[in-house]
Amino acid sequence: MQEGISLVMSEDGSHTLFHKGLQEHYHSIHGAIQESKHIFIEAGFRFAESSNNHINVLEIGFGTGLNAMLTCLAAMETSLQVYYHGIEAFPLKAPVWSSLNYDIRLNSSMAKSVFGEIHGSEWNIINKLLPGFTLLKTASRLQEVQLQTSYYNLVYFDAFSPEVQPEMWTGEIFARISDSLVTGGILVTYCCKGIVKRALKSAGFLIEKLPGPPGKREILRAVKK
């Protein structure tokens, strides 16, 4: 197992990881798959797909690859073309990601195949994984990545919390993300703290509080004006 990372079973039977240095989990201990589906697929992807036939997704905090896998599986149910760009400062090593049980919990051989393709693909180059799903994984801090302007339709903001990564939740960061979004583009995140709402508003987003998954009262969806 990767140094400083430990495997944890969440309440829905799916794995999350615990980062010992930051003292924080990658996904909710109340249910990793449950949380990702609720926030990023239902409140994000499903909401965005209703008005697009091609979706460019940016994920801040690629982490376990769970959100990417669920997005790919959701896209396969549609005729959408999805370009998925995940940014991760500290990529997981194979012994860690290969231990995650998402395919078992989903009872899906397709999930196993997709998850393996996502993690087996090379970093920092564009990979055509499926006819309708293209993936770019960037191994870097967000602050060092040059984002395309007015390009993304949807952002999954899944960084570690403001308590342990305050530099990720600033008005400056959200302004950069706003610049990368098309008008009407969407950002979804699990964090509904006041400092996050204020930072999003300062960057020109309209914010909406939505009911959260088990263990979390509310989540945020923000739309670029």
C-alpha atoms as a PDB file:
ATOM      1  CA  MET A   1       0.000   0.000   0.000  1.00  0.00           C
ATOM      2  CA  GLN A   2       1.191   3.518  -0.828  1.00  0.00           C
ATOM      3  CA  GLU A   3       2.893   5.212   2.105  1.00  0.00           C
ATOM      4  CA  GLY A   4       0.492   7.450   4.034  1.00  0.00           C
ATOM      5  CA  ILE A   5      -2.622   5.986   2.367  1.00  0.00           C
ATOM      6  CA  SER A   6      -4.862   3.358   3.966  1.00  0.00           C
ATOM      7  CA  LEU A   7      -7.921   1.493   2.715  1.00  0.00           C
ATOM      8  CA  VAL A   8     -11.206   2.108   4.586  1.00  0.00           C
ATOM      9  CA  MET A   9     -14.597   0.439   4.143  1.00  0.00           C
ATOM     10  CA  SER A  10     -17.441   2.978   3.958  1.00  0.00           C
ATOM     11  CA  GLU A  11     -20.997   2.347   5.122  1.00  0.00           C
ATOM     12  CA  ASP A  12     -22.338   1.380   1.683  1.00  0.00           C
ATOM     13  CA  GLY A  13     -19.701  -1.344   1.399  1.00  0.00           C
ATOM     14  CA  SER A  14     -17.488   0.550  -1.048  1.00  0.00           C
ATOM     15  CA  HIS A  15     -13.946   1.611  -0.276  1.00  0.00           C
ATOM     16  CA  THR A  16     -12.654   5.039   0.490  1.00  0.00           C
ATOM     17  CA  LEU A  17      -9.064   5.946   1.321  1.00  0.00           C
ATOM     18  CA  PHE A  18      -7.601   7.745   4.313  1.00  0.00           C
ATOM     19  CA  HIS A  19      -4.760  10.212   3.826  1.00  0.00           C
ATOM     20  CA  LYS A  20      -2.713  10.034   7.016  1.00  0.00           C
ATOM     21  CA  GLY A  21      -0.804  13.240   6.360  1.00  0.00           C
ATOM     22  CA  LEU A  22      -3.955  15.308   5.892  1.00  0.00           C
ATOM     23  CA  GLN A  23      -6.040  13.209   8.296  1.00  0.00           C
ATOM     24  CA  GLU A  24      -8.884  13.132   5.805  1.00  0.00           C
ATOM     25  CA  HIS A  25     -10.788  10.591   3.720  1.00  0.00           C
ATOM     26  CA  TYR A  26     -10.985  10.701  -0.069  1.00  0.00           C
ATOM     27  CA  HIS A  27     -14.711   9.881  -0.073  1.00  0.00           C
ATOM     28  CA  SER A  28     -17.468   9.892   2.528  1.00  0.00           C
ATOM     29  CA  ILE A  29     -17.264   7.183   5.179  1.00  0.00           C
ATOM     30  CA  HIS A  30     -21.077   7.093   4.932  1.00  0.00           C
ATOM     31  CA  GLY A  31     -20.778   5.633   1.431  1.00  0.00           C
ATOM     32  CA  ALA A  32     -18.184   6.355  -1.251  1.00  0.00           C
ATOM     33  CA  ILE A  33     -20.149   5.244  -4.309  1.00  0.00           C
ATOM     34  CA  GLN A  34     -23.359   6.649  -2.861  1.00  0.00           C
ATOM     35  CA  GLU A  35     -21.756  10.077  -2.354  1.00  0.00           C
ATOM     36  CA  SER A  36     -20.161  10.235  -5.797  1.00  0.00           C
ATOM     37  CA  LYS A  37     -23.359   9.249  -7.573  1.00  0.00           C
ATOM     38  CA  HIS A  38     -25.432  11.777  -5.618  1.00  0.00           C
ATOM     39  CA  ILE A  39     -23.145  14.782  -5.992  1.00  0.00           C
ATOM     40  CA  PHE A  40     -21.273  14.365  -9.235  1.00  0.00           C
ATOM     41  CA  ILE A  41     -23.493  12.173 -11.387  1.00  0.00           C
ATOM     42  CA  GLU A  42     -27.024  13.165 -10.358  1.00  0.00           C
ATOM     43  CA  ALA A  43     -26.455  16.839  -9.422  1.00  0.00           C
ATOM     44  CA  GLY A  44     -23.734  17.370 -12.025  1.00  0.00           C
ATOM     45  CA  PHE A  45     -23.598  15.064 -15.039  1.00  0.00           C
ATOM     46  CA  ARG A  46     -27.331  14.339 -15.337  1.00  0.00           C
ATOM     47  CA  PHE A  47     -28.090  18.048 -14.953  1.00  0.00           C
ATOM     48  CA  ALA A  48     -25.567  19.028 -17.635  1.00  0.00           C
ATOM     49  CA  GLU A  49     -26.477  16.288 -20.115  1.00  0.00           C
ATOM     50  CA  SER A  50     -30.018  17.617 -20.492  1.00  0.00           C
ATOM     51  CA  SER A  51     -28.749  20.594 -22.489  1.00  0.00           C
ATOM     52  CA  ASN A  52     -25.679  19.183 -24.260  1.00  0.00           C
ATOM     53  CA  ASN A  53     -24.752  16.433 -26.697  1.00  0.00           C
ATOM     54  CA  HIS A  54     -21.039  16.841 -25.985  1.00  0.00           C
ATOM     55  CA  ILE A  55     -19.783  17.462 -22.443  1.00  0.00           C
ATOM     56  CA  ASN A  56     -16.297  18.539 -21.445  1.00  0.00           C
ATOM     57  CA  VAL A  57     -15.756  17.635 -17.787  1.00  0.00           C
ATOM     58  CA  LEU A  58     -13.000  18.967 -15.529  1.00  0.00           C
ATOM     59  CA  GLU A  59     -12.336  17.179 -12.260  1.00  0.00           C
ATOM     60  CA  ILE A  60     -10.282  18.891  -9.581  1.00  0.00           C
ATOM     61  CA  GLY A  61      -8.980  16.040  -7.447  1.00  0.00           C
ATOM     62  CA  PHE A  62      -9.004  12.930  -9.655  1.00  0.00           C
ATOM     63  CA  GLY A  63      -8.122  10.825  -6.612  1.00  0.00           C
ATOM     64  CA  THR A  64      -9.438   7.256  -6.760  1.00  0.00           C
ATOM     65  CA  GLY A  65     -10.906   7.616 -10.250  1.00  0.00           C
ATOM     66  CA  LEU A  66     -14.363   6.773  -8.907  1.00  0.00           C
ATOM     67  CA  ASN A  67     -16.003   9.886 -10.352  1.00  0.00           C
ATOM     68  CA  ALA A  68     -14.391   9.275 -13.733  1.00  0.00           C
ATOM     69  CA  MET A  69     -15.580   5.661 -13.789  1.00  0.00           C
ATOM     70  CA  LEU A  70     -19.149   6.561 -12.813  1.00  0.00           C
ATOM     71  CA  THR A  71     -19.199   9.309 -15.444  1.00  0.00           C
ATOM     72  CA  CYS A  72     -17.975   6.926 -18.129  1.00  0.00           C
ATOM     73  CA  LEU A  73     -20.621   4.361 -17.182  1.00  0.00           C
ATOM     74  CA  ALA A  74     -23.325   7.062 -17.203  1.00  0.00           C
ATOM     75  CA  ALA A  75     -22.153   8.319 -20.601  1.00  0.00           C
ATOM     76  CA  MET A  76     -22.410   4.804 -22.021  1.00  0.00           C
ATOM     77  CA  GLU A  77     -26.147   4.917 -21.316  1.00  0.00           C
ATOM     78  CA  THR A  78     -26.482   7.926 -23.642  1.00  0.00           C
ATOM     79  CA  SER A  79     -25.295   9.084 -27.051  1.00  0.00           C
ATOM     80  CA  LEU A  80     -23.158  11.784 -25.431  1.00  0.00           C
ATOM     81  CA  GLN A  81     -19.555  12.416 -26.323  1.00  0.00           C
ATOM     82  CA  VAL A  82     -17.599  13.071 -23.116  1.00  0.00           C
ATOM     83  CA  TYR A  83     -14.134  14.579 -22.776  1.00  0.00           C
ATOM     84  CA  TYR A  84     -12.934  14.090 -19.197  1.00  0.00           C
ATOM     85  CA  HIS A  85      -9.956  15.989 -17.793  1.00  0.00           C
ATOM     86  CA  GLY A  86      -8.889  14.942 -14.302  1.00  0.00           C
ATOM     87  CA  ILE A  87      -6.213  16.835 -12.389  1.00  0.00           C
ATOM     88  CA  GLU A  88      -4.359  15.154  -9.536  1.00  0.00           C
ATOM     89  CA  ALA A  89      -1.262  16.366  -7.712  1.00  0.00           C
ATOM     90  CA  PHE A  90      -0.487  12.992  -6.132  1.00  0.00           C
ATOM     91  CA  PRO A  91      -1.569  10.060  -8.344  1.00  0.00           C
ATOM     92  CA  LEU A  92      -2.310   6.788  -6.608  1.00  0.00           C
ATOM     93  CA  LYS A  93      -0.013   3.863  -7.250  1.00  0.00           C
ATOM     94  CA  ALA A  94      -1.291   0.593  -8.709  1.00  0.00           C
ATOM     95  CA  PRO A  95      -1.322  -1.376  -5.429  1.00  0.00           C
ATOM     96  CA  VAL A  96      -3.759   1.200  -4.035  1.00  0.00           C
ATOM     97  CA  TRP A  97      -6.201   1.728  -6.892  1.00  0.00           C
ATOM     98  CA  SER A  98      -6.246  -1.969  -7.764  1.00  0.00           C
ATOM     99  CA  SER A  99      -7.390  -2.732  -4.195  1.00  0.00           C
ATOM    100  CA  LEU A 100     -10.542  -0.604  -4.517  1.00  0.00           C
ATOM    101  CA  ASN A 101     -13.751  -2.643  -4.738  1.00  0.00           C
ATOM    102  CA  TYR A 102     -15.983  -0.386  -6.842  1.00  0.00           C
ATOM    103  CA  ASP A 103     -16.599  -2.948  -9.582  1.00  0.00           C
ATOM    104  CA  ILE A 104     -17.573  -5.552  -6.979  1.00  0.00           C
ATOM    105  CA  ARG A 105     -20.010  -3.199  -5.241  1.00  0.00           C
ATOM    106  CA  LEU A 106     -21.531  -2.226  -8.581  1.00  0.00           C
ATOM    107  CA  ASN A 107     -21.636  -5.909  -9.573  1.00  0.00           C
ATOM    108  CA  SER A 108     -20.442  -4.928 -13.019  1.00  0.00           C
ATOM    109  CA  SER A 109     -17.825  -6.463 -15.283  1.00  0.00           C
ATOM    110  CA  MET A 110     -18.066  -3.288 -17.364  1.00  0.00           C
ATOM    111  CA  ALA A 111     -17.189  -1.212 -14.284  1.00  0.00           C
ATOM    112  CA  LYS A 112     -14.136  -3.411 -13.741  1.00  0.00           C
ATOM    113  CA  SER A 113     -13.047  -2.964 -17.348  1.00  0.00           C
ATOM    114  CA  VAL A 114     -13.629   0.799 -17.354  1.00  0.00           C
ATOM    115  CA  PHE A 115     -11.878   1.307 -14.004  1.00  0.00           C
ATOM    116  CA  GLY A 116      -8.869  -0.651 -15.214  1.00  0.00           C
ATOM    117  CA  GLU A 117      -8.749   1.317 -18.477  1.00  0.00           C
ATOM    118  CA  ILE A 118      -8.971   4.632 -16.615  1.00  0.00           C
ATOM    119  CA  HIS A 119      -6.127   3.817 -14.253  1.00  0.00           C
ATOM    120  CA  GLY A 120      -4.080   1.924 -16.819  1.00  0.00           C
ATOM    121  CA  SER A 121      -4.084   4.827 -19.268  1.00  0.00           C
ATOM    122  CA  GLU A 122      -1.003   7.025 -19.411  1.00  0.00           C
ATOM    123  CA  TRP A 123      -0.838  10.315 -17.552  1.00  0.00           C
ATOM    124  CA  ASN A 124      -0.524  13.657 -19.327  1.00  0.00           C
ATOM    125  CA  ILE A 125      -1.695  12.431 -22.740  1.00  0.00           C
ATOM    126  CA  ILE A 126      -5.172  12.203 -24.254  1.00  0.00           C
ATOM    127  CA  ASN A 127      -6.573   8.661 -24.224  1.00  0.00           C
ATOM    128  CA  LYS A 128      -9.586   7.543 -26.270  1.00  0.00           C
ATOM    129  CA  LEU A 129     -10.941   4.884 -23.914  1.00  0.00           C
ATOM    130  CA  LEU A 130     -14.306   4.282 -25.595  1.00  0.00           C
ATOM    131  CA  PRO A 131     -16.064   5.696 -28.680  1.00  0.00           C
ATOM    132  CA  GLY A 132     -17.900   8.184 -26.461  1.00  0.00           C
ATOM    133  CA  PHE A 133     -15.338   8.772 -23.707  1.00  0.00           C
ATOM    134  CA  THR A 134     -11.974  10.498 -23.980  1.00  0.00           C
ATOM    135  CA  LEU A 135      -9.732  10.926 -20.934  1.00  0.00           C
ATOM    136  CA  LEU A 136      -6.857  13.212 -20.029  1.00  0.00           C
ATOM    137  CA  LYS A 137      -5.246  12.719 -16.625  1.00  0.00           C
ATOM    138  CA  THR A 138      -2.909  15.534 -15.611  1.00  0.00           C
ATOM    139  CA  ALA A 139      -0.425  14.814 -12.827  1.00  0.00           C
ATOM    140  CA  SER A 140       0.056  18.297 -11.414  1.00  0.00           C
ATOM    141  CA  ARG A 141      -1.176  20.855  -8.937  1.00  0.00           C
ATOM    142  CA  LEU A 142      -4.104  22.853 -10.313  1.00  0.00           C
ATOM    143  CA  GLN A 143      -2.128  26.053  -9.810  1.00  0.00           C
ATOM    144  CA  GLU A 144       0.412  24.833 -12.369  1.00  0.00           C
ATOM    145  CA  VAL A 145      -2.082  23.754 -15.049  1.00  0.00           C
ATOM    146  CA  GLN A 146      -2.997  26.034 -17.946  1.00  0.00           C
ATOM    147  CA  LEU A 147      -6.746  25.557 -18.393  1.00  0.00           C
ATOM    148  CA  GLN A 148      -8.445  26.205 -21.711  1.00  0.00           C
ATOM    149  CA  THR A 149     -10.714  29.252 -21.740  1.00  0.00           C
ATOM    150  CA  SER A 150     -14.492  28.823 -22.107  1.00  0.00           C
ATOM    151  CA  TYR A 151     -14.083  25.104 -22.719  1.00  0.00           C
ATOM    152  CA  TYR A 152     -15.623  22.995 -19.961  1.00  0.00           C
ATOM    153  CA  ASN A 153     -19.343  22.432 -19.437  1.00  0.00           C
ATOM    154  CA  LEU A 154     -19.040  20.798 -16.038  1.00  0.00           C
ATOM    155  CA  VAL A 155     -16.580  20.887 -13.142  1.00  0.00           C
ATOM    156  CA  TYR A 156     -16.375  18.309 -10.375  1.00  0.00           C
ATOM    157  CA  PHE A 157     -14.663  20.160  -7.544  1.00  0.00           C
ATOM    158  CA  ASP A 158     -13.511  17.306  -5.316  1.00  0.00           C
ATOM    159  CA  ALA A 159     -10.389  18.620  -3.604  1.00  0.00           C
ATOM    160  CA  PHE A 160      -9.692  17.885   0.034  1.00  0.00           C
ATOM    161  CA  SER A 161     -11.608  20.131   2.437  1.00  0.00           C
ATOM    162  CA  PRO A 162     -10.891  23.824   3.101  1.00  0.00           C
ATOM    163  CA  GLU A 163      -9.610  22.871   6.543  1.00  0.00           C
ATOM    164  CA  VAL A 164      -6.675  20.920   5.112  1.00  0.00           C
ATOM    165  CA  GLN A 165      -6.312  22.523   1.654  1.00  0.00           C
ATOM    166  CA  PRO A 166      -7.431  26.149   2.103  1.00  0.00           C
ATOM    167  CA  GLU A 167      -5.394  27.212  -0.930  1.00  0.00           C
ATOM    168  CA  MET A 168      -7.784  25.243  -3.166  1.00  0.00           C
ATOM    169  CA  TRP A 169     -10.952  27.036  -2.092  1.00  0.00           C
ATOM    170  CA  THR A 170     -10.166  30.673  -2.841  1.00  0.00           C
ATOM    171  CA  GLY A 171     -11.833  33.273  -5.018  1.00  0.00           C
ATOM    172  CA  GLU A 172      -8.727  33.245  -7.209  1.00  0.00           C
ATOM    173  CA  ILE A 173      -9.019  29.500  -7.849  1.00  0.00           C
ATOM    174  CA  PHE A 174     -12.726  29.734  -8.600  1.00  0.00           C
ATOM    175  CA  ALA A 175     -12.123  32.706 -10.915  1.00  0.00           C
ATOM    176  CA  ARG A 176      -9.705  30.555 -12.932  1.00  0.00           C
ATOM    177  CA  ILE A 177     -12.286  27.801 -13.085  1.00  0.00           C
ATOM    178  CA  SER A 178     -14.962  30.279 -14.117  1.00  0.00           C
ATOM    179  CA  ASP A 179     -12.735  31.423 -16.986  1.00  0.00           C
ATOM    180  CA  SER A 180     -12.408  27.802 -18.108  1.00  0.00           C
ATOM    181  CA  LEU A 181     -16.180  27.224 -18.133  1.00  0.00           C
ATOM    182  CA  VAL A 182     -18.584  28.094 -20.910  1.00  0.00           C
ATOM    183  CA  THR A 183     -21.361  30.532 -20.010  1.00  0.00           C
ATOM    184  CA  GLY A 184     -23.974  28.509 -18.161  1.00  0.00           C
ATOM    185  CA  GLY A 185     -21.359  25.928 -17.195  1.00  0.00           C
ATOM    186  CA  ILE A 186     -21.805  24.071 -13.925  1.00  0.00           C
ATOM    187  CA  LEU A 187     -19.624  23.372 -10.901  1.00  0.00           C
ATOM    188  CA  VAL A 188     -20.653  20.838  -8.264  1.00  0.00           C
ATOM    189  CA  THR A 189     -18.955  20.202  -4.935  1.00  0.00           C
ATOM    190  CA  TYR A 190     -19.581  18.433  -1.661  1.00  0.00           C
ATOM    191  CA  CYS A 191     -18.561  21.467   0.414  1.00  0.00           C
ATOM    192  CA  CYS A 192     -21.232  23.958   1.436  1.00  0.00           C
ATOM    193  CA  LYS A 193     -19.246  26.080   3.908  1.00  0.00           C
ATOM    194  CA  GLY A 194     -19.703  29.838   4.014  1.00  0.00           C
ATOM    195  CA  ILE A 195     -16.166  30.571   2.849  1.00  0.00           C
ATOM    196  CA  VAL A 196     -16.749  28.404  -0.214  1.00  0.00           C
ATOM    197  CA  LYS A 197     -20.047  30.070  -1.073  1.00  0.00           C
ATOM    198  CA  ARG A 198     -18.464  33.510  -0.708  1.00  0.00           C
ATOM    199  CA  ALA A 199     -15.485  32.525  -2.865  1.00  0.00           C
ATOM    200  CA  LEU A 200     -17.769  31.183  -5.596  1.00  0.00           C
ATOM    201  CA  LYS A 201     -19.921  34.308  -5.542  1.00  0.00           C
ATOM    202  CA  SER A 202     -16.830  36.510  -5.759  1.00  0.00           C
ATOM    203  CA  ALA A 203     -15.850  34.617  -8.914  1.00  0.00           C
ATOM    204  CA  GLY A 204     -19.221  35.349 -10.519  1.00  0.00           C
ATOM    205  CA  PHE A 205     -21.073  32.107  -9.869  1.00  0.00           C
ATOM    206  CA  LEU A 206     -24.743  31.781  -9.011  1.00  0.00           C
ATOM    207  CA  ILE A 207     -24.956  29.176  -6.262  1.00  0.00           C
ATOM    208  CA  GLU A 208     -27.672  26.730  -5.327  1.00  0.00           C
ATOM    209  CA  LYS A 209     -27.812  24.550  -2.227  1.00  0.00           C
ATOM    210  CA  LEU A 210     -29.086  21.030  -2.827  1.00  0.00           C
ATOM    211  CA  PRO A 211     -29.893  18.188  -0.417  1.00  0.00           C
ATOM    212  CA  GLY A 212     -26.800  16.125   0.290  1.00  0.00           C
ATOM    213  CA  PRO A 213     -26.215  12.369   0.408  1.00  0.00           C
ATOM    214  CA  PRO A 214     -26.428  10.461   3.709  1.00  0.00           C
ATOM    215  CA  GLY A 215     -24.133  12.057   6.257  1.00  0.00           C
ATOM    216  CA  LYS A 216     -24.182  15.475   4.555  1.00  0.00           C
ATOM    217  CA  ARG A 217     -27.074  17.903   4.857  1.00  0.00           C
ATOM    218  CA  GLU A 218     -26.323  20.045   1.805  1.00  0.00           C
ATOM    219  CA  ILE A 219     -24.103  20.247  -1.269  1.00  0.00           C
ATOM    220  CA  LEU A 220     -23.478  23.063  -3.744  1.00  0.00           C
ATOM    221  CA  ARG A 221     -24.165  23.506  -7.423  1.00  0.00           C
ATOM    222  CA  ALA A 222     -22.867  26.703  -8.990  1.00  0.00           C
ATOM    223  CA  VAL A 223     -23.566  28.100 -12.450  1.00  0.00           C
ATOM    224  CA  LYS A 224     -21.367  30.529 -14.365  1.00  0.00           C
ATOM    225  CA  LYS A 225     -23.329  33.652 -15.221  1.00  0.00           C
END
